[in-house]
Amino acid sequence: MNRPMDTNFSIVALDKFIQATRDSGYRDTTSAVAELIDNSLQAGATEISIILEAHSNEKYPITLAVVDNGSGMDARTLRTSLRFGGTTRFNDRGGLGRYGMGLPNSSLSQAQRVTVHTWRSASGNVLCSHLDLDEIAEKGITDVPEPRSVARPEFINGSRSGTAVIWTKCDRLDNRRLSTITKKLSLALGRRFRHYLWQGVGISVNGSPVLPFDPLYLHPNSMFTGGQQYAEEVIYEIEASPGDPAAAGFVKVRFSELPVAEWSTLSNQEKRARGIAKGAGVSIVRGGREVDYGWFFLGDKRRENYDDWWRCEIQFEPVLDEAFGITHTKQQIRPRPHLIEALAADIESTARILNARARKAHSDVKISTRFVASEDIAKKKDELLEPLPDVPRQRDRQVLNTISSKLSPPIDAGHSRDGEREYKIVPAVLSETAFFNYARDKGRLVLIINPEHPFYKTVYQPLLESENEKDQFIRSKLDLMLLAAARNESLFEEGFNASLAEKYRNGWSDTLATFLND
């Protein structure tokens, strides 16, 4: 028996096409929601609410809505927005959208039904239309349903105009727990839309405002801050396609360093919470919106743990979409060879410098912790000795000012806690040739050991860096010997005795250097 031949030769088999699009494009729920936020921003929205509700339906336990106060749509625009490739702004480089695939593609990647409400005045009609996979498959629907007027829903909340996109029959959300989805959305959207949040756009998830997260830790209005910009921002002019100078745009690249001294001692849990641990990478920002985050433009450099302690951000204009290889989902890049050639050498070089700086900073922190035992012993024994004057001398201020710019974090004028004298040992290059110097501070005695002195290089440093307990014991006694010498000298006020003691210390250091030099 011959089967009837299929006489439908349309370019797209609609039901199969939509099913295929569900399995491609959006890698997670956050990326799909971000697509709807893009549409809201392009419609001029200043407030965007994401509302998730839990239901007793075991098959579809969650519904999700994105409600904005943008310009809203007329009936024709609403119907067009639900078409795949339907847009009034196709290939528009002036905003976040471009291809007209965002609303239906992102929505049906997460849910079997999407319903859109839109309104353009405080008292006018609310228009509604939808797409439903079951209807398309079972009824053979090929056209977007004609928009109809509906009663004003409660979620409009008095907005003069706006749009609400509602996902029901959600079968592909990342999680089935409302709290988990809410937390993931808040964190991820705070990073992707940080630049818009800083400009005053409000985004909320179930009533809680989304806080901007700066992966460079530079912006003061961010969940976590404390990074320092490294060098100046570099701007490149790049052609969208090689050999076409008519279509060109600017790429801005900047780097930051994280505060190793302050944050390296955080718990692993806190490092994960702040996005430090396993957070190495480059943030790619298109038109103010992050579209990707990863190990880009870094050439042959492999990723190491020290790379968690620096960050890079690359901002570019939408005119350079071809150069960056932006897809219609705007969630990843595939940079073209000419773009890699223009950026990679500089970015890789800077990354290697920052890796080395992070490595040294960690080494410095590790070394500084090895002074703690000696500092604590001196602190405990201080009460048995002649009290030191609290008032710093002019020479003390000069010494602290000289080394403060070389330290991270800088040494500030401190105060004793509970009336106890504190001791601090700091390796720092001195302007003189002495092996050590010191400064008495309010409530503190600071000992500065000169890494450039031959005794440091040949005797002290090997003991400092050794993991051997005996070497650490010997070095601790050397610390106490130097603290004793510095403390004794610091008893002298300005005058002849102070000058004589300093002259003796410098002469002793020079003689020691002469004996040790080959």
Protein backbone atom coordinates (compact mmCIF):
# COMPACT_ATOMS: atom_id res chain seq x y z
CA MET A 1 0.00 0.00 0.00
CA ASN A 2 1.43 3.31 -1.02
CA ARG A 3 1.66 6.01 1.64
CA PRO A 4 0.21 9.41 0.75
CA MET A 5 2.95 11.76 -0.30
CA ASP A 6 3.54 14.91 1.74
CA THR A 7 2.41 17.84 -0.35
CA ASN A 8 3.59 20.52 2.14
CA PHE A 9 6.80 22.01 0.79
CA SER A 10 7.02 25.09 3.01
CA ILE A 11 10.58 26.12 3.81
CA VAL A 12 9.93 25.62 7.50
CA ALA A 13 8.06 22.68 9.04
CA LEU A 14 6.76 24.83 11.86
CA ASP A 15 6.12 22.28 14.61
CA LYS A 16 9.48 20.57 14.05
CA PHE A 17 11.30 23.89 13.71
CA ILE A 18 10.00 25.15 17.04
CA GLN A 19 10.87 21.88 18.74
CA ALA A 20 14.41 22.13 17.32
CA THR A 21 14.82 25.70 18.54
CA ARG A 22 14.01 24.54 22.06
CA ASP A 23 17.09 22.34 22.01
CA SER A 24 19.49 25.00 20.75
CA GLY A 25 20.57 28.50 21.54
CA TYR A 26 19.97 29.28 25.21
CA ARG A 27 22.24 27.50 27.64
CA ASP A 28 20.34 28.34 30.84
CA THR A 29 17.28 30.06 32.26
CA THR A 30 19.22 33.23 33.06
CA SER A 31 20.24 33.66 29.42
CA ALA A 32 16.62 33.29 28.30
CA VAL A 33 15.36 35.81 30.89
CA ALA A 34 18.16 38.20 29.90
CA GLU A 35 16.79 38.18 26.35
CA LEU A 36 13.45 39.47 27.63
CA ILE A 37 15.21 42.16 29.67
CA ASP A 38 17.01 43.23 26.48
CA ASN A 39 13.61 43.77 24.85
CA SER A 40 12.40 45.76 27.86
CA LEU A 41 15.46 48.01 27.81
CA GLN A 42 15.10 48.58 24.09
CA ALA A 43 11.51 49.65 24.74
CA GLY A 44 12.79 52.29 27.17
CA ALA A 45 11.87 50.51 30.40
CA THR A 46 13.31 51.88 33.63
CA GLU A 47 11.72 49.29 35.94
CA ILE A 48 11.70 45.57 35.18
CA SER A 49 10.15 43.03 37.54
CA ILE A 50 10.75 39.29 37.34
CA ILE A 51 8.01 37.39 39.14
CA LEU A 52 8.25 33.68 39.90
CA GLU A 53 5.38 31.75 41.44
CA ALA A 54 5.24 28.20 42.73
CA HIS A 55 2.24 25.95 42.11
CA SER A 56 1.10 22.57 43.30
CA ASN A 57 1.21 21.25 39.73
CA GLU A 58 3.91 18.58 39.87
CA LYS A 59 4.53 18.69 36.14
CA TYR A 60 4.83 22.47 35.87
CA PRO A 61 5.53 23.74 39.42
CA ILE A 62 6.72 27.27 38.46
CA THR A 63 5.52 30.13 36.29
CA LEU A 64 7.72 33.09 35.40
CA ALA A 65 6.81 36.60 34.27
CA VAL A 66 8.87 39.61 33.18
CA VAL A 67 6.94 42.87 33.56
CA ASP A 68 8.28 46.26 32.47
CA ASN A 69 7.21 49.89 32.20
CA GLY A 70 8.46 50.33 28.65
CA SER A 71 6.59 51.88 25.74
CA GLY A 72 4.31 48.90 25.12
CA MET A 73 3.19 47.69 21.69
CA ASP A 74 0.28 48.12 19.32
CA ALA A 75 -1.56 45.08 17.98
CA ARG A 76 0.59 44.69 14.88
CA THR A 77 3.87 45.01 16.80
CA LEU A 78 2.68 42.53 19.44
CA ARG A 79 1.77 39.96 16.85
CA THR A 80 5.03 40.51 15.01
CA SER A 81 7.08 40.14 18.21
CA LEU A 82 5.84 36.56 18.65
CA ARG A 83 7.04 35.52 15.20
CA PHE A 84 10.43 33.91 14.81
CA GLY A 85 12.37 36.61 13.01
CA GLY A 86 9.52 39.03 13.49
CA THR A 87 10.79 42.47 14.46
CA THR A 88 10.46 46.10 13.51
CA ARG A 89 14.17 46.57 14.20
CA PHE A 90 15.81 43.80 12.15
CA ASN A 91 19.60 44.25 11.99
CA ASP A 92 19.31 47.43 14.05
CA ARG A 93 22.73 48.10 15.63
CA GLY A 94 21.46 50.88 17.88
CA GLY A 95 20.20 48.69 20.71
CA LEU A 96 20.42 45.28 22.34
CA GLY A 97 18.15 43.40 19.93
CA ARG A 98 18.89 42.71 16.32
CA TYR A 99 17.30 39.63 14.73
CA GLY A 100 13.79 39.43 16.17
CA MET A 101 14.26 35.89 17.49
CA GLY A 102 14.54 36.81 21.16
CA LEU A 103 11.03 36.74 22.58
CA PRO A 104 9.68 33.49 21.04
CA ASN A 105 13.00 31.67 20.99
CA SER A 106 14.00 32.42 24.57
CA SER A 107 10.49 31.82 25.92
CA LEU A 108 9.88 28.48 24.24
CA SER A 109 13.35 27.30 25.22
CA GLN A 110 12.05 27.29 28.82
CA ALA A 111 8.27 26.88 28.60
CA GLN A 112 5.62 25.34 26.37
CA ARG A 113 3.46 28.44 26.43
CA VAL A 114 4.27 32.14 26.37
CA THR A 115 1.61 34.83 26.82
CA VAL A 116 2.26 38.52 26.21
CA HIS A 117 0.22 41.40 27.65
CA THR A 118 0.99 44.92 26.49
CA TRP A 119 -0.55 48.36 27.06
CA ARG A 120 0.28 51.89 25.90
CA SER A 121 -1.69 54.10 28.29
CA ALA A 122 -2.87 54.08 31.89
CA SER A 123 -6.53 53.63 30.92
CA GLY A 124 -6.38 52.14 27.44
CA ASN A 125 -6.81 48.60 26.25
CA VAL A 126 -4.53 45.80 27.33
CA LEU A 127 -3.71 43.59 24.34
CA CYS A 128 -2.86 39.92 24.69
CA SER A 129 -1.56 37.16 22.43
CA HIS A 130 0.37 33.93 22.89
CA LEU A 131 2.20 30.93 21.48
CA ASP A 132 1.42 27.41 22.70
CA LEU A 133 3.34 24.35 21.56
CA ASP A 134 0.38 22.03 22.12
CA GLU A 135 -1.85 24.20 19.95
CA ILE A 136 0.75 24.34 17.20
CA ALA A 137 1.26 20.56 17.22
CA GLU A 138 -2.37 19.47 17.70
CA LYS A 139 -4.30 22.13 15.80
CA GLY A 140 -1.80 22.87 13.09
CA ILE A 141 -1.77 26.58 13.92
CA THR A 142 0.63 28.46 11.66
CA ASP A 143 -0.20 32.09 12.44
CA VAL A 144 0.32 34.04 15.63
CA PRO A 145 -3.14 34.45 17.22
CA GLU A 146 -4.82 37.79 16.61
CA PRO A 147 -4.26 40.04 19.67
CA ARG A 148 -7.37 40.53 21.80
CA SER A 149 -8.32 43.05 24.44
CA VAL A 150 -8.38 41.69 27.98
CA ALA A 151 -9.13 42.97 31.47
CA ARG A 152 -6.28 44.90 33.04
CA PRO A 153 -4.20 42.35 35.02
CA GLU A 154 -3.16 43.09 38.61
CA PHE A 155 0.55 42.88 37.82
CA ILE A 156 0.39 46.08 35.75
CA ASN A 157 0.60 47.99 39.07
CA GLY A 158 -0.38 51.36 37.61
CA SER A 159 2.35 51.57 34.96
CA ARG A 160 1.27 54.00 32.24
CA SER A 161 2.63 51.67 29.58
CA GLY A 162 4.54 48.43 29.45
CA THR A 163 4.70 44.77 28.53
CA ALA A 164 4.43 41.53 30.48
CA VAL A 165 5.80 38.24 29.16
CA ILE A 166 4.49 35.21 31.05
CA TRP A 167 5.87 31.68 30.81
CA THR A 168 3.52 28.88 31.78
CA LYS A 169 3.90 25.14 31.46
CA CYS A 170 7.58 25.70 32.26
CA ASP A 171 9.25 22.36 31.61
CA ARG A 172 12.85 23.40 31.00
CA LEU A 173 13.82 25.77 33.80
CA ASP A 174 17.23 25.05 35.32
CA ASN A 175 15.74 24.11 38.70
CA ARG A 176 12.41 23.12 40.18
CA ARG A 177 13.01 24.98 43.46
CA LEU A 178 11.78 28.56 43.48
CA SER A 179 14.48 29.74 45.90
CA THR A 180 17.28 28.30 43.77
CA ILE A 181 16.08 29.92 40.55
CA THR A 182 15.52 33.24 42.33
CA LYS A 183 19.05 33.28 43.76
CA LYS A 184 20.72 32.32 40.47
CA LEU A 185 18.76 34.91 38.51
CA SER A 186 19.58 37.72 40.94
CA LEU A 187 23.31 37.04 40.91
CA ALA A 188 23.68 36.43 37.16
CA LEU A 189 21.49 39.36 36.08
CA GLY A 190 23.35 41.66 38.47
CA ARG A 191 26.54 40.96 36.54
CA ARG A 192 25.12 40.94 33.01
CA PHE A 193 23.21 44.20 33.40
CA ARG A 194 25.52 45.96 35.86
CA HIS A 195 26.13 48.93 33.58
CA TYR A 196 22.36 49.52 33.21
CA LEU A 197 21.82 49.16 36.95
CA TRP A 198 24.53 51.77 37.56
CA GLN A 199 22.71 54.08 35.15
CA GLY A 200 19.53 53.86 37.24
CA VAL A 201 17.54 51.02 35.67
CA GLY A 202 15.74 48.98 38.33
CA ILE A 203 15.52 45.19 38.03
CA SER A 204 13.91 43.07 40.73
CA VAL A 205 13.28 39.38 41.33
CA ASN A 206 10.18 38.66 43.41
CA GLY A 207 10.31 42.16 44.82
CA SER A 208 13.98 42.14 45.82
CA PRO A 209 16.20 44.53 43.85
CA VAL A 210 18.93 43.00 41.72
CA LEU A 211 22.25 44.42 42.91
CA PRO A 212 25.00 45.19 40.40
CA PHE A 213 27.95 42.81 40.52
CA ASP A 214 31.20 44.13 39.08
CA PRO A 215 33.58 41.25 38.18
CA LEU A 216 36.42 43.81 38.20
CA TYR A 217 35.47 44.89 41.77
CA LEU A 218 36.07 48.54 40.81
CA HIS A 219 32.69 50.27 40.87
CA PRO A 220 31.76 51.69 44.29
CA ASN A 221 28.07 50.83 43.74
CA SER A 222 28.53 47.08 43.52
CA MET A 223 27.93 44.03 45.70
CA PHE A 224 31.66 43.78 46.35
CA THR A 225 34.33 46.37 45.76
CA GLY A 226 38.01 46.70 46.56
CA GLY A 227 39.81 46.07 43.26
CA GLN A 228 42.33 48.51 41.81
CA GLN A 229 42.48 49.38 38.11
CA TYR A 230 45.76 48.29 36.55
CA ALA A 231 47.27 50.74 34.05
CA GLU A 232 45.10 52.90 31.79
CA GLU A 233 42.16 51.76 29.71
CA VAL A 234 43.27 50.96 26.15
CA ILE A 235 41.04 51.80 23.17
CA TYR A 236 41.36 50.03 19.81
CA GLU A 237 39.66 50.92 16.54
CA ILE A 238 38.62 47.68 14.83
CA GLU A 239 36.99 46.91 11.49
CA ALA A 240 33.86 44.77 11.65
CA SER A 241 35.17 42.82 8.66
CA PRO A 242 38.78 42.85 7.41
CA GLY A 243 39.37 45.41 4.67
CA ASP A 244 36.14 47.34 5.31
CA PRO A 245 37.12 50.56 7.11
CA ALA A 246 33.64 51.98 6.50
CA ALA A 247 32.24 49.66 9.19
CA ALA A 248 34.48 50.08 12.22
CA GLY A 249 34.02 50.61 15.93
CA PHE A 250 35.89 51.03 19.18
CA VAL A 251 36.92 48.34 21.64
CA LYS A 252 37.81 49.35 25.20
CA VAL A 253 39.98 47.09 27.35
CA ARG A 254 40.71 47.56 31.03
CA PHE A 255 42.19 45.40 33.80
CA SER A 256 41.90 45.28 37.56
CA GLU A 257 43.78 43.65 40.42
CA LEU A 258 42.07 42.18 43.45
CA PRO A 259 43.38 42.98 46.96
CA VAL A 260 45.39 39.85 47.74
CA ALA A 261 46.55 41.02 51.17
CA GLU A 262 43.00 41.65 52.39
CA TRP A 263 41.08 38.87 50.61
CA SER A 264 43.48 35.91 50.48
CA THR A 265 42.72 35.07 54.11
CA LEU A 266 38.97 34.84 53.50
CA SER A 267 37.38 31.43 53.88
CA ASN A 268 36.82 29.36 50.74
CA GLN A 269 33.08 29.83 51.20
CA GLU A 270 33.45 33.62 51.29
CA LYS A 271 35.75 33.57 48.26
CA ARG A 272 33.10 31.66 46.33
CA ALA A 273 30.40 34.04 47.52
CA ARG A 274 32.39 37.02 46.26
CA GLY A 275 33.11 35.35 42.93
CA ILE A 276 36.87 35.19 43.56
CA ALA A 277 37.47 31.44 43.55
CA LYS A 278 37.49 30.05 40.00
CA GLY A 279 36.43 33.48 38.76
CA ALA A 280 39.33 34.11 36.39
CA GLY A 281 38.30 35.42 33.02
CA VAL A 282 37.44 38.24 30.67
CA SER A 283 34.03 39.94 30.70
CA ILE A 284 32.77 40.74 27.19
CA VAL A 285 30.32 43.66 27.20
CA ARG A 286 28.28 44.57 24.13
CA GLY A 287 26.46 47.91 24.21
CA GLY A 288 26.56 47.98 28.03
CA ARG A 289 25.35 44.37 28.47
CA GLU A 290 27.63 41.43 29.25
CA VAL A 291 27.28 38.78 26.54
CA ASP A 292 30.01 36.35 27.60
CA TYR A 293 32.58 35.63 30.27
CA GLY A 294 35.54 33.35 29.74
CA TRP A 295 39.16 32.82 28.82
CA PHE A 296 39.31 35.03 25.72
CA PHE A 297 42.18 36.72 23.83
CA LEU A 298 44.80 35.16 26.11
CA GLY A 299 46.83 33.32 23.49
CA ASP A 300 48.92 30.46 24.83
CA LYS A 301 48.57 31.46 28.47
CA ARG A 302 47.03 28.67 30.53
CA ARG A 303 44.72 29.44 33.38
CA GLU A 304 46.22 29.19 36.88
CA ASN A 305 44.94 29.78 40.41
CA TYR A 306 46.78 33.12 40.54
CA ASP A 307 44.61 34.30 37.63
CA ASP A 308 41.66 34.46 40.04
CA TRP A 309 43.24 37.65 41.37
CA TRP A 310 42.97 39.85 38.30
CA ARG A 311 40.13 40.63 35.88
CA CYS A 312 39.64 42.09 32.42
CA GLU A 313 36.66 43.77 30.78
CA ILE A 314 36.29 44.30 27.03
CA GLN A 315 33.54 46.66 25.87
CA PHE A 316 32.56 46.97 22.21
CA GLU A 317 29.92 48.59 20.04
CA PRO A 318 27.21 46.51 18.30
CA VAL A 319 28.64 47.54 14.94
CA LEU A 320 31.42 45.04 15.70
CA ASP A 321 29.09 42.04 16.07
CA GLU A 322 30.68 40.32 13.08
CA ALA A 323 34.18 40.78 14.47
CA PHE A 324 33.16 39.25 17.81
CA GLY A 325 31.01 36.56 16.21
CA ILE A 326 27.86 37.45 18.14
CA THR A 327 24.98 35.00 17.72
CA HIS A 328 21.29 35.95 17.84
CA THR A 329 21.09 34.74 21.45
CA LYS A 330 23.80 37.22 22.55
CA GLN A 331 25.24 34.83 25.12
CA GLN A 332 28.59 33.93 23.62
CA ILE A 333 31.26 35.17 21.22
CA ARG A 334 33.31 33.54 18.49
CA PRO A 335 35.95 36.18 17.72
CA ARG A 336 37.21 36.47 14.16
CA PRO A 337 40.95 36.05 13.42
CA HIS A 338 41.54 39.74 12.69
CA LEU A 339 40.07 40.69 16.07
CA ILE A 340 42.21 38.11 17.87
CA GLU A 341 45.27 39.40 16.05
CA ALA A 342 44.50 42.97 17.13
CA LEU A 343 43.87 42.26 20.81
CA ALA A 344 45.47 39.00 21.93
CA ALA A 345 49.13 40.01 22.12
CA ASP A 346 48.48 42.98 24.41
CA ILE A 347 45.93 41.18 26.57
CA GLU A 348 48.08 38.07 26.98
CA SER A 349 51.12 40.19 27.88
CA THR A 350 49.20 42.11 30.53
CA ALA A 351 47.69 38.89 31.87
CA ARG A 352 51.14 37.40 32.40
CA ILE A 353 52.28 40.54 34.22
CA LEU A 354 49.23 40.45 36.48
CA ASN A 355 49.69 36.74 37.14
CA ALA A 356 53.26 37.44 38.29
CA ARG A 357 52.09 40.33 40.46
CA ALA A 358 49.43 38.13 42.07
CA ARG A 359 52.00 35.40 42.67
CA LYS A 360 54.33 37.89 44.39
CA ALA A 361 51.48 39.36 46.42
CA HIS A 362 50.57 35.89 47.71
CA SER A 363 54.21 35.26 48.55
CA ASP A 364 54.36 38.54 50.45
CA VAL A 365 51.22 37.61 52.40
CA LYS A 366 52.67 34.19 53.20
CA ILE A 367 55.89 35.79 54.41
CA SER A 368 54.08 38.41 56.50
CA THR A 369 52.24 35.68 58.39
CA ARG A 370 55.58 34.21 59.43
CA PHE A 371 56.34 37.31 61.48
CA VAL A 372 53.22 36.91 63.62
CA ALA A 373 54.79 34.59 66.20
CA SER A 374 57.75 36.95 66.78
CA GLU A 375 55.44 39.98 66.93
CA ASP A 376 53.23 38.26 69.50
CA ILE A 377 56.17 37.30 71.72
CA ALA A 378 57.45 40.88 71.74
CA LYS A 379 53.97 42.15 72.52
CA LYS A 380 53.59 39.81 75.51
CA LYS A 381 57.02 40.72 76.91
CA ASP A 382 56.63 44.45 76.41
CA GLU A 383 55.10 45.05 79.83
CA LEU A 384 58.36 43.84 81.46
CA LEU A 385 60.37 46.59 79.79
CA GLU A 386 60.75 50.32 80.11
CA PRO A 387 57.71 51.95 78.48
CA LEU A 388 58.23 53.52 75.07
CA PRO A 389 57.10 57.09 74.45
CA ASP A 390 53.87 57.19 72.44
CA VAL A 391 54.59 60.42 70.57
CA PRO A 392 56.27 59.77 67.19
CA ARG A 393 59.37 61.77 66.36
CA GLN A 394 60.07 63.58 63.12
CA ARG A 395 62.40 60.78 62.00
CA ASP A 396 59.63 58.22 62.68
CA ARG A 397 57.21 60.07 60.42
CA GLN A 398 59.82 60.27 57.67
CA VAL A 399 60.53 56.53 57.83
CA LEU A 400 56.83 55.59 57.72
CA ASN A 401 56.17 57.98 54.84
CA THR A 402 59.08 56.50 52.91
CA ILE A 403 57.85 52.91 53.09
CA SER A 404 54.07 53.40 53.10
CA SER A 405 53.82 53.74 49.32
CA LYS A 406 55.72 50.48 48.85
CA LEU A 407 53.41 48.41 51.02
CA SER A 408 50.03 46.82 50.38
CA PRO A 409 48.11 47.70 52.43
CA PRO A 410 49.98 50.83 53.53
CA ILE A 411 50.99 51.20 57.17
CA ASP A 412 48.86 53.85 58.85
CA ALA A 413 49.32 55.55 62.17
CA GLY A 414 47.91 52.97 64.57
CA HIS A 415 46.72 52.92 68.15
CA SER A 416 47.35 50.26 70.75
CA ARG A 417 44.48 48.02 71.73
CA ASP A 418 43.80 47.68 75.46
CA GLY A 419 46.88 49.79 76.14
CA GLU A 420 49.25 47.09 74.79
CA ARG A 421 52.22 47.88 72.60
CA GLU A 422 51.95 46.27 69.14
CA TYR A 423 54.93 45.17 67.07
CA LYS A 424 55.06 44.95 63.29
CA ILE A 425 57.83 43.51 61.08
CA VAL A 426 57.88 44.59 57.44
CA PRO A 427 60.39 43.78 54.67
CA ALA A 428 60.78 46.92 52.53
CA VAL A 429 63.60 48.44 50.52
CA LEU A 430 65.20 51.30 52.44
CA SER A 431 66.67 54.49 51.01
CA GLU A 432 69.82 53.94 53.13
CA THR A 433 72.18 50.97 53.26
CA ALA A 434 71.22 49.86 56.78
CA PHE A 435 70.09 46.27 57.30
CA PHE A 436 67.14 47.49 59.33
CA ASN A 437 65.36 50.64 60.39
CA TYR A 438 62.39 51.28 62.63
CA ALA A 439 59.71 53.80 63.52
CA ARG A 440 57.74 54.18 66.65
CA ASP A 441 54.12 54.94 66.06
CA LYS A 442 51.20 55.64 68.39
CA GLY A 443 50.89 52.31 70.16
CA ARG A 444 53.15 50.46 67.73
CA LEU A 445 56.78 49.78 66.94
CA VAL A 446 57.45 49.04 63.26
CA LEU A 447 60.64 47.18 62.30
CA ILE A 448 61.66 47.51 58.64
CA ILE A 449 64.10 44.91 57.31
CA ASN A 450 65.97 45.81 54.12
CA PRO A 451 65.78 43.02 51.47
CA GLU A 452 68.67 44.64 49.58
CA HIS A 453 71.19 44.10 52.39
CA PRO A 454 73.62 41.15 51.91
CA PHE A 455 72.69 39.68 55.32
CA TYR A 456 69.03 39.48 54.24
CA LYS A 457 69.91 37.79 50.96
CA THR A 458 72.46 35.30 52.28
CA VAL A 459 71.14 34.46 55.76
CA TYR A 460 67.76 35.92 56.63
CA GLN A 461 65.76 35.25 53.43
CA PRO A 462 66.63 31.52 53.20
CA LEU A 463 65.48 31.13 56.80
CA LEU A 464 62.32 33.15 56.14
CA GLU A 465 61.30 31.07 53.13
CA SER A 466 62.26 27.70 54.61
CA GLU A 467 59.57 25.21 55.64
CA ASN A 468 61.99 23.58 58.10
CA GLU A 469 60.91 24.05 61.73
CA LYS A 470 64.48 24.54 62.94
CA ASP A 471 65.10 27.28 60.37
CA GLN A 472 61.85 28.98 61.38
CA PHE A 473 62.89 28.80 65.04
CA ILE A 474 66.26 30.41 64.27
CA ARG A 475 64.67 33.14 62.17
CA SER A 476 62.17 33.91 64.94
CA LYS A 477 65.08 34.48 67.35
CA LEU A 478 66.70 36.77 64.79
CA ASP A 479 63.42 38.71 64.63
CA LEU A 480 63.45 39.15 68.38
CA MET A 481 67.09 40.24 68.32
CA LEU A 482 66.31 42.92 65.72
CA LEU A 483 63.15 44.03 67.55
CA ALA A 484 65.22 44.37 70.73
CA ALA A 485 67.82 46.53 68.97
CA ALA A 486 65.14 48.69 67.36
CA ARG A 487 63.20 49.04 70.61
CA ASN A 488 66.27 50.08 72.54
CA GLU A 489 67.20 52.69 69.97
CA SER A 490 63.63 54.00 69.87
CA LEU A 491 63.89 55.01 73.54
CA PHE A 492 66.11 57.93 72.53
CA GLU A 493 64.33 61.17 71.79
CA GLU A 494 65.58 63.61 69.15
CA GLY A 495 69.08 64.81 69.97
CA PHE A 496 72.67 63.73 70.29
CA ASN A 497 72.01 60.23 71.63
CA ALA A 498 69.47 59.46 68.91
CA SER A 499 71.87 60.66 66.18
CA LEU A 500 74.71 58.63 67.69
CA ALA A 501 72.57 55.46 67.86
CA GLU A 502 71.52 55.87 64.24
CA LYS A 503 75.09 56.45 63.15
CA TYR A 504 76.17 53.30 65.02
CA ARG A 505 73.38 51.21 63.36
CA ASN A 506 74.28 52.43 59.89
CA GLY A 507 78.00 51.84 60.46
CA TRP A 508 77.35 48.36 61.82
CA SER A 509 75.18 47.55 58.76
CA ASP A 510 77.85 48.75 56.35
CA THR A 511 80.57 46.77 58.12
CA LEU A 512 78.40 43.65 58.05
CA ALA A 513 77.76 44.13 54.34
CA THR A 514 81.51 44.49 53.71
CA PHE A 515 82.26 41.24 55.55
CA LEU A 516 79.53 39.33 53.64
CA ASN A 517 80.13 40.65 50.12
CA ASP A 518 82.26 38.42 47.90
